[in-house]
Amino acid sequence: MDSQSIKASETVGKDSRGWDEAKKINGRERHLICDNRGLVLLVMVTAADVSDRDAARELLFRLALTHPRSPSSGPTPPMPGNW
């Protein structure tokens, strides 16, 4: 999982842009989830001020809905809160 901040032109509406303080960019951010071969599974575009943590929560939820684990893929790994 990774994200990239992209500058947005002035024609992009202010409601879909945000300020990324770390990179000093006013624009949007692409959040990507790839598999272990580098193939893109999901992409989500948000305003640049959306935190990676919040975007990750939404992306992982969508990933679970679109790519459910099959019964033959083995046991489900424990959730982080259950370690």
Protein backbone atom coordinates (compact mmCIF):
# COMPACT_ATOMS: atom_id res chain seq x y z
CA MET A 1 0.00 0.00 0.00
CA ASP A 2 1.28 3.43 -0.90
CA SER A 3 0.10 6.95 -1.67
CA GLN A 4 1.22 9.77 -3.94
CA SER A 5 0.34 13.46 -3.71
CA ILE A 6 -0.35 15.24 -6.99
CA LYS A 7 -0.71 18.96 -7.62
CA ALA A 8 -4.15 19.92 -8.89
CA SER A 9 -4.73 22.66 -11.43
CA GLU A 10 -6.90 25.67 -10.65
CA THR A 11 -9.74 24.14 -12.70
CA VAL A 12 -10.13 21.37 -10.10
CA GLY A 13 -12.82 22.22 -7.56
CA LYS A 14 -11.67 23.27 -4.08
CA ASP A 15 -13.93 20.65 -2.48
CA SER A 16 -11.83 17.84 -4.03
CA ARG A 17 -8.42 19.38 -3.24
CA GLY A 18 -6.55 19.54 0.02
CA TRP A 19 -3.20 20.62 1.50
CA ASP A 20 -0.57 17.92 2.10
CA GLU A 21 1.57 19.52 4.80
CA ALA A 22 4.43 17.02 4.49
CA LYS A 23 4.96 17.63 0.77
CA LYS A 24 3.65 21.22 0.63
CA ILE A 25 1.23 20.33 -2.18
CA ASN A 26 -2.28 21.63 -2.77
CA GLY A 27 -4.05 18.89 -4.69
CA ARG A 28 -5.15 15.29 -4.54
CA GLU A 29 -3.70 12.03 -3.31
CA ARG A 30 -3.75 8.58 -4.95
CA HIS A 31 -3.89 5.62 -2.58
CA LEU A 32 -2.93 2.26 -4.10
CA ILE A 33 -3.01 -1.36 -2.98
CA CYS A 34 -0.92 -3.84 -4.95
CA ASP A 35 -0.47 -7.60 -4.67
CA ASN A 36 2.91 -9.26 -4.12
CA ARG A 37 3.56 -9.27 -7.90
CA GLY A 38 3.02 -5.50 -8.17
CA LEU A 39 -0.39 -5.71 -9.83
CA VAL A 40 -2.74 -2.92 -8.77
CA LEU A 41 -5.78 -4.21 -6.88
CA LEU A 42 -7.45 -0.95 -5.82
CA VAL A 43 -7.02 2.78 -6.36
CA MET A 44 -8.74 5.56 -4.45
CA VAL A 45 -8.31 9.29 -5.10
CA THR A 46 -8.92 11.70 -2.21
CA ALA A 47 -8.11 15.25 -1.28
CA ALA A 48 -4.45 15.54 -0.26
CA ASP A 49 -5.36 16.36 3.35
CA VAL A 50 -6.90 12.90 3.95
CA SER A 51 -4.52 10.95 6.19
CA ASP A 52 -3.01 7.68 4.99
CA ARG A 53 -4.49 5.92 8.01
CA ASP A 54 -8.05 6.95 7.15
CA ALA A 55 -7.60 6.08 3.48
CA ALA A 56 -6.06 2.71 4.40
CA ARG A 57 -9.05 1.82 6.54
CA GLU A 58 -11.42 2.47 3.62
CA LEU A 59 -9.20 0.71 1.07
CA LEU A 60 -8.79 -2.42 3.21
CA PHE A 61 -12.55 -2.55 3.75
CA ARG A 62 -13.14 -2.33 -0.02
CA LEU A 63 -10.44 -4.93 -0.64
CA ALA A 64 -12.16 -7.37 1.71
CA LEU A 65 -15.44 -6.87 -0.18
CA THR A 66 -14.01 -7.23 -3.68
CA HIS A 67 -11.41 -9.95 -3.00
CA PRO A 68 -12.83 -12.29 -0.34
CA ARG A 69 -10.65 -15.14 0.90
CA SER A 70 -11.66 -18.53 -0.45
CA PRO A 71 -12.04 -21.48 1.96
CA SER A 72 -9.22 -23.30 0.15
CA SER A 73 -6.70 -20.50 0.78
CA GLY A 74 -6.00 -21.66 4.32
CA PRO A 75 -6.67 -20.19 7.74
CA THR A 76 -7.31 -16.49 8.13
CA PRO A 77 -4.41 -14.68 9.82
CA PRO A 78 -5.18 -13.12 13.22
CA MET A 79 -6.33 -9.52 13.36
CA PRO A 80 -3.85 -6.98 14.80
CA GLY A 81 -5.92 -6.49 17.96
CA ASN A 82 -5.82 -10.23 18.76
CA TRP A 83 -2.03 -10.71 18.88
